[in-house]
């Protein structure tokens, strides 16, 4: 549990690391995966299409 000491919040290392990924993380993962698929599709289309 976070405590206040001398007007500062004091947390243990484990408490400080516990965070929930927000919707921006999901958007970043979705966009980067989609971009990777698009780039790989273009590379395949340009170099390996017969």
PDB file of N, CA and C in Angstrom:
ATOM      1  N   UNK A   1       0.844  -1.176   0.000  1.00  0.00           N
ATOM      2  CA  UNK A   1       0.000   0.000   0.000  1.00  0.00           C
ATOM      3  C   UNK A   1       0.892   1.242   0.000  1.00  0.00           C
ATOM      4  N   UNK A   2       0.580   2.177  -0.856  1.00  0.00           N
ATOM      5  CA  UNK A   2       1.363   3.408  -0.931  1.00  0.00           C
ATOM      6  C   UNK A   2       1.158   4.225   0.337  1.00  0.00           C
ATOM      7  N   UNK A   3       2.246   4.792   0.830  1.00  0.00           N
ATOM      8  CA  UNK A   3       2.198   5.620   2.031  1.00  0.00           C
ATOM      9  C   UNK A   3       2.740   7.001   1.698  1.00  0.00           C
ATOM     10  N   UNK A   4       2.334   7.954   2.473  1.00  0.00           N
ATOM     11  CA  UNK A   4       2.888   9.304   2.314  1.00  0.00           C
ATOM     12  C   UNK A   4       3.884   9.547   3.427  1.00  0.00           C
ATOM     13  N   UNK A   5       5.045  10.029   3.033  1.00  0.00           N
ATOM     14  CA  UNK A   5       6.080  10.364   3.990  1.00  0.00           C
ATOM     15  C   UNK A   5       6.679  11.701   3.579  1.00  0.00           C
ATOM     16  N   UNK A   6       6.573  12.684   4.438  1.00  0.00           N
ATOM     17  CA  UNK A   6       7.101  14.026   4.171  1.00  0.00           C
ATOM     18  C   UNK A   6       6.553  14.594   2.869  1.00  0.00           C
ATOM     19  N   UNK A   7       5.239  14.451   2.671  1.00  0.00           N
ATOM     20  CA  UNK A   7       4.516  14.976   1.500  1.00  0.00           C
ATOM     21  C   UNK A   7       4.928  14.295   0.196  1.00  0.00           C
ATOM     22  N   UNK A   8       5.509  13.095   0.276  1.00  0.00           N
ATOM     23  CA  UNK A   8       5.839  12.317  -0.915  1.00  0.00           C
ATOM     24  C   UNK A   8       5.201  10.942  -0.785  1.00  0.00           C
ATOM     25  N   UNK A   9       4.790  10.383  -1.906  1.00  0.00           N
ATOM     26  CA  UNK A   9       4.211   9.044  -1.915  1.00  0.00           C
ATOM     27  C   UNK A   9       5.354   8.041  -2.017  1.00  0.00           C
ATOM     28  N   UNK A  10       5.371   7.075  -1.098  1.00  0.00           N
ATOM     29  CA  UNK A  10       6.425   6.062  -1.057  1.00  0.00           C
ATOM     30  C   UNK A  10       5.799   4.717  -1.387  1.00  0.00           C
ATOM     31  N   UNK A  11       6.340   4.034  -2.406  1.00  0.00           N
ATOM     32  CA  UNK A  11       5.865   2.718  -2.810  1.00  0.00           C
ATOM     33  C   UNK A  11       7.041   1.752  -2.873  1.00  0.00           C
ATOM     34  N   UNK A  12       6.739   0.479  -2.722  1.00  0.00           N
ATOM     35  CA  UNK A  12       7.774  -0.532  -2.921  1.00  0.00           C
ATOM     36  C   UNK A  12       8.029  -0.668  -4.420  1.00  0.00           C
ATOM     37  N   UNK A  13       9.089  -1.355  -4.794  1.00  0.00           N
ATOM     38  CA  UNK A  13       9.411  -1.538  -6.212  1.00  0.00           C
ATOM     39  C   UNK A  13       8.318  -2.327  -6.926  1.00  0.00           C
ATOM     40  N   UNK A  14       7.762  -3.331  -6.265  1.00  0.00           N
ATOM     41  CA  UNK A  14       6.698  -4.124  -6.875  1.00  0.00           C
ATOM     42  C   UNK A  14       5.452  -3.286  -7.100  1.00  0.00           C
ATOM     43  N   UNK A  15       5.087  -2.463  -6.147  1.00  0.00           N
ATOM     44  CA  UNK A  15       3.920  -1.606  -6.303  1.00  0.00           C
ATOM     45  C   UNK A  15       4.124  -0.596  -7.430  1.00  0.00           C
ATOM     46  N   UNK A  16       5.305  -0.100  -7.568  1.00  0.00           N
ATOM     47  CA  UNK A  16       5.577   0.902  -8.595  1.00  0.00           C
ATOM     48  C   UNK A  16       5.511   0.295  -9.997  1.00  0.00           C
ATOM     49  N   UNK A  17       5.824  -0.994 -10.140  1.00  0.00           N
ATOM     50  CA  UNK A  17       5.818  -1.644 -11.458  1.00  0.00           C
ATOM     51  C   UNK A  17       4.442  -2.125 -11.879  1.00  0.00           C
ATOM     52  N   UNK A  18       3.479  -2.193 -10.989  1.00  0.00           N
ATOM     53  CA  UNK A  18       2.170  -2.735 -11.317  1.00  0.00           C
ATOM     54  C   UNK A  18       1.331  -1.676 -12.014  1.00  0.00           C
ATOM     55  N   UNK A  19       1.259  -1.805 -13.334  1.00  0.00           N
ATOM     56  CA  UNK A  19       0.473  -0.858 -14.125  1.00  0.00           C
ATOM     57  C   UNK A  19      -0.350  -1.637 -15.130  1.00  0.00           C
ATOM     58  N   UNK A  20      -1.454  -1.075 -15.527  1.00  0.00           N
ATOM     59  CA  UNK A  20      -2.302  -1.698 -16.520  1.00  0.00           C
ATOM     60  C   UNK A  20      -2.082  -1.004 -17.852  1.00  0.00           C
ATOM     61  N   UNK A  21      -1.860  -1.779 -18.916  1.00  0.00           N
ATOM     62  CA  UNK A  21      -1.709  -1.149 -20.219  1.00  0.00           C
ATOM     63  C   UNK A  21      -3.024  -0.544 -20.672  1.00  0.00           C
ATOM     64  N   UNK A  22      -2.975   0.663 -21.084  1.00  0.00           N
ATOM     65  CA  UNK A  22      -4.180   1.369 -21.504  1.00  0.00           C
ATOM     66  C   UNK A  22      -4.524   1.090 -22.948  1.00  0.00           C
ATOM     67  N   UNK A  23      -5.547   1.746 -23.442  1.00  0.00           N
ATOM     68  CA  UNK A  23      -5.964   1.528 -24.831  1.00  0.00           C
ATOM     69  C   UNK A  23      -4.914   1.986 -25.840  1.00  0.00           C
ATOM     70  N   UNK A  24      -4.025   2.878 -25.446  1.00  0.00           N
ATOM     71  CA  UNK A  24      -2.987   3.319 -26.390  1.00  0.00           C
ATOM     72  C   UNK A  24      -2.018   2.184 -26.705  1.00  0.00           C
ATOM     73  N   UNK A  25      -1.771   1.304 -25.751  1.00  0.00           N
ATOM     74  CA  UNK A  25      -0.885   0.157 -25.996  1.00  0.00           C
ATOM     75  C   UNK A  25      -1.536  -0.789 -26.994  1.00  0.00           C
ATOM     76  N   UNK A  26      -2.833  -1.041 -26.827  1.00  0.00           N
ATOM     77  CA  UNK A  26      -3.553  -1.907 -27.764  1.00  0.00           C
ATOM     78  C   UNK A  26      -3.553  -1.302 -29.163  1.00  0.00           C
ATOM     79  N   UNK A  27      -3.757  -0.008 -29.267  1.00  0.00           N
ATOM     80  CA  UNK A  27      -3.754   0.654 -30.572  1.00  0.00           C
ATOM     81  C   UNK A  27      -2.374   0.571 -31.227  1.00  0.00           C
ATOM     82  N   UNK A  28      -1.332   0.744 -30.434  1.00  0.00           N
ATOM     83  CA  UNK A  28       0.030   0.662 -30.973  1.00  0.00           C
ATOM     84  C   UNK A  28       0.336  -0.739 -31.473  1.00  0.00           C
ATOM     85  N   UNK A  29      -0.024  -1.765 -30.704  1.00  0.00           N
ATOM     86  CA  UNK A  29       0.228  -3.141 -31.130  1.00  0.00           C
ATOM     87  C   UNK A  29      -0.566  -3.483 -32.385  1.00  0.00           C
ATOM     88  N   UNK A  30      -1.810  -3.041 -32.457  1.00  0.00           N
ATOM     89  CA  UNK A  30      -2.636  -3.309 -33.631  1.00  0.00           C
ATOM     90  C   UNK A  30      -2.083  -2.612 -34.868  1.00  0.00           C
ATOM     91  N   UNK A  31      -1.723  -1.347 -34.723  1.00  0.00           N
ATOM     92  CA  UNK A  31      -1.196  -0.592 -35.867  1.00  0.00           C
ATOM     93  C   UNK A  31       0.132  -1.162 -36.344  1.00  0.00           C
ATOM     94  N   UNK A  32       1.017  -1.515 -35.423  1.00  0.00           N
ATOM     95  CA  UNK A  32       2.326  -2.031 -35.833  1.00  0.00           C
ATOM     96  C   UNK A  32       2.204  -3.414 -36.470  1.00  0.00           C
ATOM     97  N   UNK A  33       1.308  -4.252 -35.968  1.00  0.00           N
ATOM     98  CA  UNK A  33       1.098  -5.570 -36.582  1.00  0.00           C
ATOM     99  C   UNK A  33       0.496  -5.425 -37.972  1.00  0.00           C
ATOM    100  N   UNK A  34      -0.474  -4.544 -38.111  1.00  0.00           N
ATOM    101  CA  UNK A  34      -1.067  -4.302 -39.425  1.00  0.00           C
ATOM    102  C   UNK A  34      -0.066  -3.749 -40.421  1.00  0.00           C
ATOM    103  N   UNK A  35       0.776  -2.839 -39.964  1.00  0.00           N
ATOM    104  CA  UNK A  35       1.803  -2.280 -40.840  1.00  0.00           C
ATOM    105  C   UNK A  35       2.817  -3.339 -41.257  1.00  0.00           C
ATOM    106  N   UNK A  36       3.197  -4.211 -40.337  1.00  0.00           N
ATOM    107  CA  UNK A  36       4.136  -5.284 -40.667  1.00  0.00           C
ATOM    108  C   UNK A  36       3.536  -6.233 -41.694  1.00  0.00           C
ATOM    109  N   UNK A  37       2.265  -6.583 -41.537  1.00  0.00           N
ATOM    110  CA  UNK A  37       1.596  -7.460 -42.504  1.00  0.00           C
ATOM    111  C   UNK A  37       1.530  -6.786 -43.872  1.00  0.00           C
ATOM    112  N   UNK A  38       1.218  -5.510 -43.896  1.00  0.00           N
ATOM    113  CA  UNK A  38       1.149  -4.770 -45.158  1.00  0.00           C
ATOM    114  C   UNK A  38       2.503  -4.733 -45.853  1.00  0.00           C
ATOM    115  N   UNK A  39       3.560  -4.446 -45.112  1.00  0.00           N
ATOM    116  CA  UNK A  39       4.906  -4.383 -45.699  1.00  0.00           C
ATOM    117  C   UNK A  39       5.335  -5.749 -46.216  1.00  0.00           C
ATOM    118  N   UNK A  40       5.081  -6.802 -45.433  1.00  0.00           N
ATOM    119  CA  UNK A  40       5.446  -8.145 -45.890  1.00  0.00           C
ATOM    120  C   UNK A  40       4.642  -8.544 -47.123  1.00  0.00           C
ATOM    121  N   UNK A  41       3.380  -8.127 -47.190  1.00  0.00           N
ATOM    122  CA  UNK A  41       2.573  -8.403 -48.375  1.00  0.00           C
ATOM    123  C   UNK A  41       3.113  -7.703 -49.606  1.00  0.00           C
ATOM    124  N   UNK A  42       3.546  -6.463 -49.453  1.00  0.00           N
ATOM    125  CA  UNK A  42       4.123  -5.715 -50.579  1.00  0.00           C
ATOM    126  C   UNK A  42       5.430  -6.358 -51.031  1.00  0.00           C
ATOM    127  N   UNK A  43       6.270  -6.744 -50.074  1.00  0.00           N
ATOM    128  CA  UNK A  43       7.541  -7.399 -50.423  1.00  0.00           C
ATOM    129  C   UNK A  43       7.276  -8.700 -51.159  1.00  0.00           C
ATOM    130  N   UNK A  44       6.324  -9.486 -50.654  1.00  0.00           N
ATOM    131  CA  UNK A  44       6.004 -10.741 -51.337  1.00  0.00           C
ATOM    132  C   UNK A  44       5.483 -10.471 -52.741  1.00  0.00           C
ATOM    133  N   UNK A  45       4.612  -9.480 -52.894  1.00  0.00           N
ATOM    134  CA  UNK A  45       4.028  -9.183 -54.192  1.00  0.00           C
ATOM    135  C   UNK A  45       5.094  -8.721 -55.186  1.00  0.00           C
ATOM    136  N   UNK A  46       6.053  -7.930 -54.737  1.00  0.00           N
ATOM    137  CA  UNK A  46       7.078  -7.385 -55.641  1.00  0.00           C
ATOM    138  C   UNK A  46       8.117  -8.437 -56.005  1.00  0.00           C
ATOM    139  N   UNK A  47       8.582  -9.227 -55.035  1.00  0.00           N
ATOM    140  CA  UNK A  47       9.721 -10.114 -55.284  1.00  0.00           C
ATOM    141  C   UNK A  47       9.361 -11.558 -55.572  1.00  0.00           C
ATOM    142  N   UNK A  48       8.244 -12.060 -55.083  1.00  0.00           N
ATOM    143  CA  UNK A  48       7.988 -13.498 -55.172  1.00  0.00           C
ATOM    144  C   UNK A  48       6.791 -13.857 -56.025  1.00  0.00           C
ATOM    145  N   UNK A  49       6.158 -12.881 -56.636  1.00  0.00           N
ATOM    146  CA  UNK A  49       5.015 -13.177 -57.503  1.00  0.00           C
ATOM    147  C   UNK A  49       5.534 -13.707 -58.835  1.00  0.00           C
ATOM    148  N   UNK A  50       4.948 -14.782 -59.294  1.00  0.00           N
ATOM    149  CA  UNK A  50       5.406 -15.349 -60.581  1.00  0.00           C
ATOM    150  C   UNK A  50       4.291 -15.341 -61.596  1.00  0.00           C
TER     151      UNK A  50
END
